[in-house]
Amino acid sequence: MLLGIFFDFFDGFFARKLDVSTKLGLQLDSLADMVTSGVVPAFAMFFLLQDALHIDLMVSMHWNFKYFLPFISFVIALGSAFRLAKFNIDSRQSDSFIGLPTPANTLFILSLPLIAYEQTQFSLSEFILNPYVLILISLFSAYILNAELSLFSLKFKDYSWHNNMVKYILIVVSVALIISLKYLSVPLIVLCYIALSVFTKKQ
């Protein structure tokens, strides 16, 4: 997943530098993003919900309503597909984003099991593995991917302070959070990205 996001960040840059940017490449890029940033986080949430609900679909013979709850996670994949398709035809998103980019949403979702199972500094397992919390995160994820919310692009056209001040602030804050909070820093960085975008938009 991390490799997928890395290549997604730089593929457009190199396509433009090498002058090999095509409409077919744009569609293939979105198809790859759908797997990396749509299907993968949906399955991660599916297994988190299974664990939170203490069910195993492979061995249980007593089905009831709660066995269908983990499938709510696939609303993340549907929201990602809609967001990626809309991105390809939305001329407003050439220099910024409308809605949370799918890689940022994926990082947020995939940080949850790391925090729940491996975070030692803060004990958030009980909160994260609450099925109601996970269902709300899934639904909110699908919403914010497609919300009419303007977010600044993380890609640099130049490296001047004046044109990239908010990006440099996000980088410094992100490094500080990663050093101090490790896995817990990931959702905080995503929330900081949204907050900085909203704040700069109002200026």
N, C-alpha and C. Protein backbone atom coordinates (compact mmCIF):
# COMPACT_ATOMS: atom_id res chain seq x y z
N MET A 1 0.83 -1.19 0.00
CA MET A 1 0.00 0.00 0.00
C MET A 1 0.87 1.25 0.00
N LEU A 2 1.93 1.25 0.83
CA LEU A 2 2.83 2.41 0.89
C LEU A 2 3.55 2.62 -0.45
N LEU A 3 3.97 1.53 -1.07
CA LEU A 3 4.60 1.63 -2.40
C LEU A 3 3.60 2.17 -3.42
N GLY A 4 2.36 1.72 -3.32
CA GLY A 4 1.33 2.19 -4.24
C GLY A 4 1.11 3.68 -4.12
N ILE A 5 1.06 4.19 -2.88
CA ILE A 5 0.87 5.63 -2.65
C ILE A 5 2.10 6.40 -3.11
N PHE A 6 3.29 5.84 -2.88
CA PHE A 6 4.53 6.48 -3.32
C PHE A 6 4.54 6.67 -4.84
N PHE A 7 4.22 5.60 -5.57
CA PHE A 7 4.21 5.68 -7.03
C PHE A 7 3.08 6.57 -7.54
N ASP A 8 1.94 6.57 -6.81
CA ASP A 8 0.84 7.43 -7.20
C ASP A 8 1.23 8.90 -7.08
N PHE A 9 2.08 9.20 -6.09
CA PHE A 9 2.51 10.58 -5.87
C PHE A 9 3.44 11.06 -6.98
N PHE A 10 4.28 10.16 -7.51
CA PHE A 10 5.31 10.57 -8.47
C PHE A 10 5.02 10.19 -9.92
N ASP A 11 4.00 9.36 -10.17
CA ASP A 11 3.79 8.91 -11.56
C ASP A 11 3.45 10.06 -12.49
N GLY A 12 2.59 10.97 -12.04
CA GLY A 12 2.23 12.11 -12.87
C GLY A 12 3.43 13.02 -13.13
N PHE A 13 4.26 13.20 -12.10
CA PHE A 13 5.45 14.04 -12.24
C PHE A 13 6.37 13.52 -13.33
N PHE A 14 6.64 12.21 -13.29
CA PHE A 14 7.55 11.63 -14.28
C PHE A 14 6.90 11.52 -15.66
N ALA A 15 5.58 11.33 -15.69
CA ALA A 15 4.89 11.30 -16.98
C ALA A 15 5.02 12.64 -17.69
N ARG A 16 4.90 13.73 -16.90
CA ARG A 16 5.05 15.06 -17.51
C ARG A 16 6.50 15.34 -17.89
N LYS A 17 7.45 14.95 -17.04
CA LYS A 17 8.86 15.18 -17.32
C LYS A 17 9.31 14.42 -18.56
N LEU A 18 8.80 13.21 -18.74
CA LEU A 18 9.21 12.37 -19.87
C LEU A 18 8.29 12.58 -21.08
N ASP A 19 7.28 13.43 -20.92
CA ASP A 19 6.34 13.74 -21.99
C ASP A 19 5.63 12.48 -22.50
N VAL A 20 5.18 11.66 -21.57
CA VAL A 20 4.47 10.42 -21.93
C VAL A 20 3.08 10.39 -21.29
N SER A 21 2.57 11.57 -20.92
CA SER A 21 1.25 11.65 -20.32
C SER A 21 0.17 11.41 -21.37
N THR A 22 -0.73 10.47 -21.10
CA THR A 22 -1.81 10.14 -22.03
C THR A 22 -3.12 9.97 -21.28
N LYS A 23 -4.23 10.01 -22.01
CA LYS A 23 -5.53 9.77 -21.40
C LYS A 23 -5.65 8.34 -20.88
N LEU A 24 -5.01 7.40 -21.60
CA LEU A 24 -5.02 6.01 -21.15
C LEU A 24 -4.29 5.90 -19.81
N GLY A 25 -3.16 6.60 -19.69
CA GLY A 25 -2.42 6.58 -18.43
C GLY A 25 -3.24 7.12 -17.28
N LEU A 26 -4.03 8.15 -17.55
CA LEU A 26 -4.90 8.72 -16.52
C LEU A 26 -5.89 7.68 -16.01
N GLN A 27 -6.49 6.91 -16.93
CA GLN A 27 -7.46 5.89 -16.53
C GLN A 27 -6.80 4.73 -15.79
N LEU A 28 -5.61 4.33 -16.26
CA LEU A 28 -4.87 3.25 -15.59
C LEU A 28 -4.44 3.69 -14.19
N ASP A 29 -4.09 4.96 -14.06
CA ASP A 29 -3.71 5.50 -12.76
C ASP A 29 -4.88 5.39 -11.78
N SER A 30 -6.07 5.76 -12.24
CA SER A 30 -7.25 5.68 -11.38
C SER A 30 -7.60 4.23 -11.04
N LEU A 31 -7.40 3.33 -12.00
CA LEU A 31 -7.67 1.91 -11.75
C LEU A 31 -6.74 1.37 -10.68
N ALA A 32 -5.45 1.73 -10.77
CA ALA A 32 -4.49 1.30 -9.75
C ALA A 32 -4.84 1.92 -8.39
N ASP A 33 -5.24 3.20 -8.40
CA ASP A 33 -5.63 3.86 -7.16
C ASP A 33 -6.85 3.20 -6.54
N MET A 34 -7.75 2.69 -7.37
CA MET A 34 -8.96 2.05 -6.86
C MET A 34 -8.60 0.81 -6.03
N VAL A 35 -7.57 0.09 -6.49
CA VAL A 35 -7.13 -1.09 -5.73
C VAL A 35 -6.41 -0.66 -4.46
N THR A 36 -5.40 0.20 -4.63
CA THR A 36 -4.57 0.61 -3.49
C THR A 36 -5.34 1.42 -2.46
N SER A 37 -6.15 2.36 -2.94
CA SER A 37 -6.80 3.30 -2.03
C SER A 37 -8.31 3.14 -1.95
N GLY A 38 -8.82 2.04 -2.48
CA GLY A 38 -10.25 1.77 -2.39
C GLY A 38 -10.53 0.38 -1.82
N VAL A 39 -10.02 -0.62 -2.50
CA VAL A 39 -10.26 -2.01 -2.08
C VAL A 39 -9.49 -2.35 -0.81
N VAL A 40 -8.22 -1.96 -0.76
CA VAL A 40 -7.38 -2.31 0.41
C VAL A 40 -7.94 -1.74 1.71
N PRO A 41 -8.23 -0.43 1.81
CA PRO A 41 -8.79 0.07 3.08
C PRO A 41 -10.16 -0.51 3.40
N ALA A 42 -10.95 -0.84 2.39
CA ALA A 42 -12.26 -1.47 2.65
C ALA A 42 -12.09 -2.83 3.31
N PHE A 43 -11.14 -3.62 2.80
CA PHE A 43 -10.89 -4.94 3.40
C PHE A 43 -10.28 -4.80 4.79
N ALA A 44 -9.41 -3.80 4.98
CA ALA A 44 -8.83 -3.58 6.31
C ALA A 44 -9.93 -3.28 7.32
N MET A 45 -10.88 -2.44 6.94
CA MET A 45 -11.99 -2.11 7.81
C MET A 45 -12.90 -3.32 8.01
N PHE A 46 -13.08 -4.13 6.98
CA PHE A 46 -13.90 -5.34 7.07
C PHE A 46 -13.35 -6.27 8.17
N PHE A 47 -12.04 -6.49 8.16
CA PHE A 47 -11.44 -7.39 9.15
C PHE A 47 -11.43 -6.77 10.54
N LEU A 48 -11.28 -5.44 10.62
CA LEU A 48 -11.38 -4.77 11.91
C LEU A 48 -12.77 -4.94 12.51
N LEU A 49 -13.79 -4.79 11.67
CA LEU A 49 -15.16 -4.96 12.15
C LEU A 49 -15.44 -6.41 12.57
N GLN A 50 -14.90 -7.35 11.82
CA GLN A 50 -15.03 -8.75 12.22
C GLN A 50 -14.44 -8.98 13.60
N ASP A 51 -13.26 -8.41 13.81
CA ASP A 51 -12.59 -8.58 15.10
C ASP A 51 -13.38 -7.87 16.21
N ALA A 52 -13.86 -6.66 15.91
CA ALA A 52 -14.61 -5.90 16.91
C ALA A 52 -15.90 -6.60 17.32
N LEU A 53 -16.51 -7.30 16.35
CA LEU A 53 -17.78 -8.00 16.61
C LEU A 53 -17.57 -9.43 17.07
N HIS A 54 -16.30 -9.86 17.12
CA HIS A 54 -15.95 -11.21 17.57
C HIS A 54 -16.66 -12.29 16.76
N ILE A 55 -16.56 -12.16 15.45
CA ILE A 55 -17.18 -13.15 14.57
C ILE A 55 -16.16 -13.70 13.59
N ASP A 56 -16.36 -14.91 13.18
CA ASP A 56 -15.52 -15.55 12.17
C ASP A 56 -16.45 -16.17 11.14
N LEU A 57 -16.53 -15.57 9.97
CA LEU A 57 -17.47 -16.03 8.95
C LEU A 57 -17.11 -17.41 8.41
N MET A 58 -15.86 -17.84 8.64
CA MET A 58 -15.41 -19.11 8.09
C MET A 58 -15.82 -20.30 8.95
N VAL A 59 -16.07 -20.07 10.24
CA VAL A 59 -16.33 -21.21 11.11
C VAL A 59 -17.72 -21.18 11.75
N SER A 60 -18.32 -20.02 11.84
CA SER A 60 -19.60 -19.93 12.55
C SER A 60 -20.74 -20.48 11.70
N MET A 61 -21.64 -21.18 12.36
CA MET A 61 -22.81 -21.75 11.69
C MET A 61 -24.10 -21.07 12.16
N HIS A 62 -23.96 -20.10 13.07
CA HIS A 62 -25.14 -19.44 13.60
C HIS A 62 -25.15 -17.99 13.13
N TRP A 63 -25.84 -17.75 12.03
CA TRP A 63 -25.85 -16.42 11.42
C TRP A 63 -26.95 -15.56 12.03
N ASN A 64 -26.64 -14.28 12.23
CA ASN A 64 -27.65 -13.29 12.59
C ASN A 64 -27.24 -11.95 11.98
N PHE A 65 -27.97 -10.92 12.35
CA PHE A 65 -27.79 -9.62 11.69
C PHE A 65 -26.37 -9.10 11.79
N LYS A 66 -25.69 -9.34 12.92
CA LYS A 66 -24.37 -8.74 13.11
C LYS A 66 -23.33 -9.27 12.11
N TYR A 67 -23.61 -10.43 11.51
CA TYR A 67 -22.65 -10.99 10.55
C TYR A 67 -22.63 -10.20 9.24
N PHE A 68 -23.63 -9.37 9.04
CA PHE A 68 -23.65 -8.55 7.84
C PHE A 68 -23.03 -7.18 8.07
N LEU A 69 -22.83 -6.78 9.31
CA LEU A 69 -22.29 -5.46 9.62
C LEU A 69 -20.90 -5.21 9.03
N PRO A 70 -19.97 -6.18 9.03
CA PRO A 70 -18.65 -5.89 8.44
C PRO A 70 -18.70 -5.47 6.98
N PHE A 71 -19.75 -5.89 6.26
CA PHE A 71 -19.82 -5.55 4.83
C PHE A 71 -20.10 -4.06 4.61
N ILE A 72 -20.50 -3.35 5.69
CA ILE A 72 -20.66 -1.89 5.58
C ILE A 72 -19.34 -1.24 5.19
N SER A 73 -18.23 -1.89 5.53
CA SER A 73 -16.90 -1.33 5.23
C SER A 73 -16.70 -1.07 3.74
N PHE A 74 -17.40 -1.79 2.89
CA PHE A 74 -17.17 -1.64 1.45
C PHE A 74 -17.78 -0.36 0.89
N VAL A 75 -18.45 0.40 1.75
CA VAL A 75 -18.87 1.75 1.34
C VAL A 75 -17.64 2.60 1.10
N ILE A 76 -16.51 2.26 1.74
CA ILE A 76 -15.25 2.96 1.50
C ILE A 76 -14.79 2.76 0.07
N ALA A 77 -14.89 1.53 -0.43
CA ALA A 77 -14.51 1.25 -1.82
C ALA A 77 -15.43 1.98 -2.79
N LEU A 78 -16.73 2.00 -2.50
CA LEU A 78 -17.68 2.70 -3.37
C LEU A 78 -17.40 4.20 -3.38
N GLY A 79 -17.16 4.76 -2.19
CA GLY A 79 -16.84 6.19 -2.11
C GLY A 79 -15.56 6.53 -2.83
N SER A 80 -14.57 5.64 -2.75
CA SER A 80 -13.29 5.85 -3.44
C SER A 80 -13.47 5.80 -4.94
N ALA A 81 -14.27 4.84 -5.42
CA ALA A 81 -14.51 4.72 -6.86
C ALA A 81 -15.19 5.98 -7.40
N PHE A 82 -16.18 6.47 -6.68
CA PHE A 82 -16.89 7.67 -7.10
C PHE A 82 -15.96 8.88 -7.10
N ARG A 83 -15.12 8.98 -6.06
CA ARG A 83 -14.20 10.10 -5.94
C ARG A 83 -13.16 10.10 -7.07
N LEU A 84 -12.63 8.92 -7.40
CA LEU A 84 -11.62 8.81 -8.46
C LEU A 84 -12.22 9.11 -9.83
N ALA A 85 -13.44 8.63 -10.06
CA ALA A 85 -14.11 8.90 -11.34
C ALA A 85 -14.40 10.40 -11.48
N LYS A 86 -14.85 11.01 -10.40
CA LYS A 86 -15.16 12.44 -10.42
C LYS A 86 -13.89 13.28 -10.62
N PHE A 87 -12.78 12.83 -10.03
CA PHE A 87 -11.52 13.55 -10.16
C PHE A 87 -11.09 13.66 -11.63
N ASN A 88 -11.33 12.59 -12.40
CA ASN A 88 -10.89 12.57 -13.80
C ASN A 88 -11.64 13.55 -14.68
N ILE A 89 -12.82 13.95 -14.27
CA ILE A 89 -13.63 14.84 -15.13
C ILE A 89 -13.87 16.21 -14.50
N ASP A 90 -13.30 16.45 -13.33
CA ASP A 90 -13.51 17.71 -12.61
C ASP A 90 -12.34 18.65 -12.86
N SER A 91 -12.56 19.69 -13.67
CA SER A 91 -11.49 20.62 -14.01
C SER A 91 -11.06 21.48 -12.82
N ARG A 92 -11.85 21.50 -11.76
CA ARG A 92 -11.50 22.31 -10.58
C ARG A 92 -10.35 21.70 -9.80
N GLN A 93 -10.00 20.44 -10.06
CA GLN A 93 -9.03 19.74 -9.23
C GLN A 93 -7.65 19.63 -9.89
N SER A 94 -7.31 20.60 -10.71
CA SER A 94 -5.99 20.59 -11.35
C SER A 94 -4.90 21.06 -10.38
N ASP A 95 -5.23 22.04 -9.51
CA ASP A 95 -4.24 22.58 -8.57
C ASP A 95 -4.61 22.34 -7.11
N SER A 96 -5.76 21.79 -6.86
CA SER A 96 -6.20 21.49 -5.50
C SER A 96 -7.17 20.32 -5.56
N PHE A 97 -7.65 19.90 -4.41
CA PHE A 97 -8.57 18.76 -4.35
C PHE A 97 -9.93 19.21 -3.83
N ILE A 98 -10.96 18.58 -4.33
CA ILE A 98 -12.30 18.74 -3.78
C ILE A 98 -12.66 17.42 -3.11
N GLY A 99 -12.66 17.41 -1.79
CA GLY A 99 -12.82 16.17 -1.05
C GLY A 99 -11.46 15.60 -0.68
N LEU A 100 -11.45 14.74 0.32
CA LEU A 100 -10.20 14.15 0.79
C LEU A 100 -9.62 13.21 -0.26
N PRO A 101 -8.34 13.36 -0.64
CA PRO A 101 -7.73 12.44 -1.60
C PRO A 101 -7.73 11.01 -1.07
N THR A 102 -7.91 10.05 -1.96
CA THR A 102 -8.00 8.65 -1.54
C THR A 102 -6.74 8.15 -0.82
N PRO A 103 -5.50 8.56 -1.21
CA PRO A 103 -4.34 8.07 -0.45
C PRO A 103 -4.36 8.53 1.01
N ALA A 104 -4.79 9.77 1.27
CA ALA A 104 -4.86 10.26 2.65
C ALA A 104 -5.89 9.47 3.44
N ASN A 105 -7.02 9.17 2.82
CA ASN A 105 -8.05 8.37 3.48
C ASN A 105 -7.55 6.96 3.78
N THR A 106 -6.79 6.39 2.84
CA THR A 106 -6.23 5.05 3.02
C THR A 106 -5.26 5.01 4.19
N LEU A 107 -4.38 6.00 4.27
CA LEU A 107 -3.43 6.07 5.38
C LEU A 107 -4.17 6.15 6.71
N PHE A 108 -5.24 6.94 6.74
CA PHE A 108 -6.05 7.07 7.95
C PHE A 108 -6.63 5.71 8.36
N ILE A 109 -7.27 5.03 7.40
CA ILE A 109 -7.92 3.75 7.70
C ILE A 109 -6.90 2.70 8.13
N LEU A 110 -5.79 2.61 7.41
CA LEU A 110 -4.82 1.54 7.69
C LEU A 110 -3.97 1.83 8.92
N SER A 111 -4.04 3.05 9.45
CA SER A 111 -3.35 3.31 10.71
C SER A 111 -4.13 2.77 11.90
N LEU A 112 -5.43 2.55 11.73
CA LEU A 112 -6.27 2.12 12.84
C LEU A 112 -5.85 0.78 13.44
N PRO A 113 -5.64 -0.28 12.63
CA PRO A 113 -5.19 -1.54 13.25
C PRO A 113 -3.82 -1.42 13.88
N LEU A 114 -2.93 -0.61 13.31
CA LEU A 114 -1.61 -0.43 13.91
C LEU A 114 -1.71 0.21 15.28
N ILE A 115 -2.60 1.20 15.40
CA ILE A 115 -2.80 1.86 16.69
C ILE A 115 -3.48 0.92 17.67
N ALA A 116 -4.49 0.20 17.18
CA ALA A 116 -5.27 -0.67 18.06
C ALA A 116 -4.45 -1.83 18.61
N TYR A 117 -3.59 -2.40 17.78
CA TYR A 117 -2.89 -3.63 18.19
C TYR A 117 -1.45 -3.42 18.63
N GLU A 118 -0.82 -2.30 18.23
CA GLU A 118 0.60 -2.15 18.51
C GLU A 118 0.96 -0.88 19.26
N GLN A 119 0.06 0.05 19.41
CA GLN A 119 0.37 1.29 20.10
C GLN A 119 0.50 1.03 21.59
N THR A 120 1.64 1.40 22.15
CA THR A 120 1.89 1.15 23.57
C THR A 120 1.81 2.43 24.40
N GLN A 121 2.07 3.58 23.78
CA GLN A 121 2.07 4.84 24.52
C GLN A 121 0.67 5.24 24.95
N PHE A 122 -0.30 4.99 24.09
CA PHE A 122 -1.70 5.29 24.40
C PHE A 122 -2.52 4.04 24.15
N SER A 123 -3.41 3.72 25.06
CA SER A 123 -4.25 2.55 24.89
C SER A 123 -5.59 2.97 24.29
N LEU A 124 -5.71 2.77 22.97
CA LEU A 124 -6.92 3.17 22.27
C LEU A 124 -7.64 1.97 21.67
N SER A 125 -7.20 0.78 22.03
CA SER A 125 -7.79 -0.43 21.43
C SER A 125 -9.28 -0.52 21.66
N GLU A 126 -9.72 -0.27 22.88
CA GLU A 126 -11.14 -0.39 23.20
C GLU A 126 -11.98 0.59 22.39
N PHE A 127 -11.45 1.81 22.20
CA PHE A 127 -12.18 2.82 21.43
C PHE A 127 -12.22 2.45 19.96
N ILE A 128 -11.05 2.10 19.38
CA ILE A 128 -10.98 1.81 17.94
C ILE A 128 -11.75 0.55 17.59
N LEU A 129 -11.71 -0.46 18.45
CA LEU A 129 -12.37 -1.73 18.17
C LEU A 129 -13.83 -1.74 18.62
N ASN A 130 -14.38 -0.56 18.79
CA ASN A 130 -15.82 -0.44 19.02
C ASN A 130 -16.51 -0.49 17.66
N PRO A 131 -17.39 -1.45 17.41
CA PRO A 131 -17.99 -1.58 16.08
C PRO A 131 -18.75 -0.34 15.62
N TYR A 132 -19.36 0.37 16.56
CA TYR A 132 -20.09 1.59 16.19
C TYR A 132 -19.14 2.67 15.71
N VAL A 133 -17.98 2.76 16.35
CA VAL A 133 -16.96 3.73 15.94
C VAL A 133 -16.46 3.38 14.54
N LEU A 134 -16.20 2.11 14.28
CA LEU A 134 -15.70 1.69 12.97
C LEU A 134 -16.73 1.92 11.86
N ILE A 135 -18.00 1.66 12.17
CA ILE A 135 -19.06 1.90 11.17
C ILE A 135 -19.17 3.39 10.87
N LEU A 136 -19.10 4.23 11.91
CA LEU A 136 -19.16 5.68 11.71
C LEU A 136 -17.97 6.17 10.88
N ILE A 137 -16.78 5.62 11.15
CA ILE A 137 -15.59 5.99 10.39
C ILE A 137 -15.76 5.60 8.93
N SER A 138 -16.32 4.41 8.68
CA SER A 138 -16.54 3.95 7.30
C SER A 138 -17.47 4.88 6.55
N LEU A 139 -18.59 5.24 7.18
CA LEU A 139 -19.57 6.11 6.54
C LEU A 139 -19.01 7.52 6.35
N PHE A 140 -18.31 8.03 7.37
CA PHE A 140 -17.72 9.37 7.26
C PHE A 140 -16.63 9.39 6.20
N SER A 141 -15.90 8.29 6.08
CA SER A 141 -14.85 8.18 5.07
C SER A 141 -15.43 8.33 3.67
N ALA A 142 -16.52 7.61 3.39
CA ALA A 142 -17.15 7.70 2.07
C ALA A 142 -17.68 9.10 1.82
N TYR A 143 -18.15 9.76 2.89
CA TYR A 143 -18.67 11.13 2.74
C TYR A 143 -17.56 12.13 2.44
N ILE A 144 -16.50 12.13 3.25
CA ILE A 144 -15.48 13.18 3.12
C ILE A 144 -14.66 13.02 1.85
N LEU A 145 -14.61 11.80 1.30
CA LEU A 145 -13.94 11.61 0.01
C LEU A 145 -14.63 12.43 -1.09
N ASN A 146 -15.92 12.63 -0.95
CA ASN A 146 -16.70 13.29 -2.00
C ASN A 146 -17.33 14.61 -1.54
N ALA A 147 -16.94 15.09 -0.37
CA ALA A 147 -17.50 16.33 0.14
C ALA A 147 -16.99 17.53 -0.67
N GLU A 148 -17.81 18.56 -0.74
CA GLU A 148 -17.41 19.79 -1.42
C GLU A 148 -16.49 20.59 -0.49
N LEU A 149 -15.33 20.02 -0.24
CA LEU A 149 -14.35 20.61 0.67
C LEU A 149 -13.04 20.79 -0.09
N SER A 150 -12.58 22.04 -0.19
CA SER A 150 -11.38 22.34 -0.96
C SER A 150 -10.13 22.10 -0.10
N LEU A 151 -9.24 21.21 -0.57
CA LEU A 151 -8.01 20.88 0.14
C LEU A 151 -6.81 21.16 -0.77
N PHE A 152 -5.75 21.71 -0.19
CA PHE A 152 -4.60 22.05 -1.02
C PHE A 152 -3.86 20.79 -1.49
N SER A 153 -3.26 20.91 -2.67
CA SER A 153 -2.50 19.80 -3.23
C SER A 153 -1.17 19.65 -2.50
N LEU A 154 -0.71 18.43 -2.34
CA LEU A 154 0.57 18.17 -1.65
C LEU A 154 1.74 18.14 -2.62
N LYS A 155 1.49 18.34 -3.90
CA LYS A 155 2.56 18.30 -4.89
C LYS A 155 3.15 19.69 -5.08
N PHE A 156 4.49 19.74 -5.23
CA PHE A 156 5.23 21.00 -5.36
C PHE A 156 5.45 21.33 -6.84
N LYS A 157 5.13 22.58 -7.20
CA LYS A 157 5.49 23.08 -8.53
C LYS A 157 6.80 23.84 -8.47
N ASP A 158 7.09 24.40 -7.29
CA ASP A 158 8.39 25.01 -7.01
C ASP A 158 8.61 24.84 -5.51
N TYR A 159 9.75 25.33 -5.00
CA TYR A 159 10.08 25.09 -3.60
C TYR A 159 10.18 26.39 -2.81
N SER A 160 9.56 27.45 -3.30
CA SER A 160 9.59 28.73 -2.61
C SER A 160 8.71 28.67 -1.36
N TRP A 161 9.12 29.43 -0.33
CA TRP A 161 8.35 29.50 0.91
C TRP A 161 6.99 30.16 0.67
N HIS A 162 6.98 31.20 -0.13
CA HIS A 162 5.75 31.96 -0.36
C HIS A 162 4.65 31.11 -0.97
N ASN A 163 5.00 30.28 -1.93
CA ASN A 163 4.00 29.47 -2.63
C ASN A 163 3.68 28.15 -1.92
N ASN A 164 4.51 27.77 -0.95
CA ASN A 164 4.35 26.44 -0.33
C ASN A 164 4.37 26.50 1.19
N MET A 165 4.08 27.66 1.76
CA MET A 165 4.18 27.81 3.22
C MET A 165 3.35 26.77 3.96
N VAL A 166 2.10 26.59 3.56
CA VAL A 166 1.22 25.66 4.27
C VAL A 166 1.71 24.22 4.14
N LYS A 167 2.34 23.89 3.00
CA LYS A 167 2.87 22.55 2.81
C LYS A 167 4.07 22.31 3.72
N TYR A 168 4.94 23.31 3.84
CA TYR A 168 6.09 23.18 4.73
C TYR A 168 5.66 23.08 6.19
N ILE A 169 4.63 23.84 6.55
CA ILE A 169 4.10 23.73 7.92
C ILE A 169 3.59 22.32 8.18
N LEU A 170 2.86 21.76 7.22
CA LEU A 170 2.34 20.40 7.37
C LEU A 170 3.48 19.39 7.49
N ILE A 171 4.55 19.57 6.72
CA ILE A 171 5.69 18.65 6.78
C ILE A 171 6.35 18.70 8.15
N VAL A 172 6.58 19.91 8.67
CA VAL A 172 7.22 20.05 9.98
C VAL A 172 6.35 19.44 11.08
N VAL A 173 5.06 19.75 11.04
CA VAL A 173 4.13 19.19 12.04
C VAL A 173 4.08 17.67 11.93
N SER A 174 4.09 17.15 10.70
CA SER A 174 4.02 15.71 10.48
C SER A 174 5.24 15.00 11.04
N VAL A 175 6.43 15.55 10.78
CA VAL A 175 7.67 14.95 11.30
C VAL A 175 7.66 14.94 12.82
N ALA A 176 7.23 16.05 13.43
CA ALA A 176 7.18 16.14 14.90
C ALA A 176 6.20 15.11 15.47
N LEU A 177 5.05 14.95 14.82
CA LEU A 177 4.05 13.99 15.29
C LEU A 177 4.53 12.56 15.13
N ILE A 178 5.19 12.26 14.01
CA ILE A 178 5.69 10.90 13.76
C ILE A 178 6.73 10.52 14.80
N ILE A 179 7.64 11.45 15.11
CA ILE A 179 8.70 11.18 16.09
C ILE A 179 8.12 10.96 17.48
N SER A 180 7.11 11.74 17.83
CA SER A 180 6.57 11.68 19.19
C SER A 180 5.47 10.65 19.38
N LEU A 181 4.67 10.41 18.36
CA LEU A 181 3.49 9.56 18.54
C LEU A 181 3.47 8.29 17.68
N LYS A 182 4.41 8.16 16.76
CA LYS A 182 4.51 6.98 15.88
C LYS A 182 3.20 6.75 15.13
N TYR A 183 2.59 5.56 15.27
CA TYR A 183 1.40 5.22 14.48
C TYR A 183 0.25 6.18 14.73
N LEU A 184 0.14 6.65 15.97
CA LEU A 184 -0.96 7.54 16.31
C LEU A 184 -0.89 8.85 15.55
N SER A 185 0.31 9.17 15.03
CA SER A 185 0.48 10.42 14.29
C SER A 185 -0.30 10.43 12.98
N VAL A 186 -0.53 9.27 12.37
CA VAL A 186 -1.11 9.22 11.02
C VAL A 186 -2.50 9.85 10.96
N PRO A 187 -3.46 9.42 11.78
CA PRO A 187 -4.78 10.08 11.70
C PRO A 187 -4.71 11.55 12.10
N LEU A 188 -3.81 11.90 13.01
CA LEU A 188 -3.66 13.30 13.42
C LEU A 188 -3.12 14.15 12.27
N ILE A 189 -2.20 13.59 11.48
CA ILE A 189 -1.65 14.31 10.33
C ILE A 189 -2.75 14.55 9.29
N VAL A 190 -3.57 13.53 9.04
CA VAL A 190 -4.68 13.69 8.08
C VAL A 190 -5.65 14.76 8.56
N LEU A 191 -5.98 14.75 9.85
CA LEU A 191 -6.87 15.77 10.40
C LEU A 191 -6.23 17.16 10.34
N CYS A 192 -4.91 17.22 10.57
CA CYS A 192 -4.18 18.48 10.48
C CYS A 192 -4.21 19.01 9.04
N TYR A 193 -4.08 18.11 8.08
CA TYR A 193 -4.13 18.48 6.67
C TYR A 193 -5.48 19.11 6.32
N ILE A 194 -6.55 18.51 6.81
CA ILE A 194 -7.89 19.04 6.55
C ILE A 194 -8.05 20.40 7.23
N ALA A 195 -7.59 20.50 8.49
CA ALA A 195 -7.73 21.74 9.25
C ALA A 195 -6.94 22.88 8.59
N LEU A 196 -5.71 22.60 8.15
CA LEU A 196 -4.89 23.63 7.49
C LEU A 196 -5.54 24.08 6.18
N SER A 197 -6.14 23.14 5.46
CA SER A 197 -6.81 23.48 4.20
C SER A 197 -7.98 24.41 4.44
N VAL A 198 -8.78 24.09 5.45
CA VAL A 198 -9.96 24.90 5.79
C VAL A 198 -9.51 26.29 6.25
N PHE A 199 -8.45 26.34 7.08
CA PHE A 199 -7.97 27.61 7.62
C PHE A 199 -7.43 28.51 6.52
N THR A 200 -6.58 27.94 5.62
CA THR A 200 -6.00 28.75 4.56
C THR A 200 -7.06 29.19 3.56
N LYS A 201 -8.10 28.39 3.38
CA LYS A 201 -9.18 28.74 2.45
C LYS A 201 -9.93 29.97 2.94
N LYS A 202 -10.00 30.15 4.26
CA LYS A 202 -10.74 31.27 4.84
C LYS A 202 -9.93 32.56 4.84
N GLN A 203 -8.61 32.44 4.60
CA GLN A 203 -7.75 33.63 4.64
C GLN A 203 -7.91 34.49 3.38
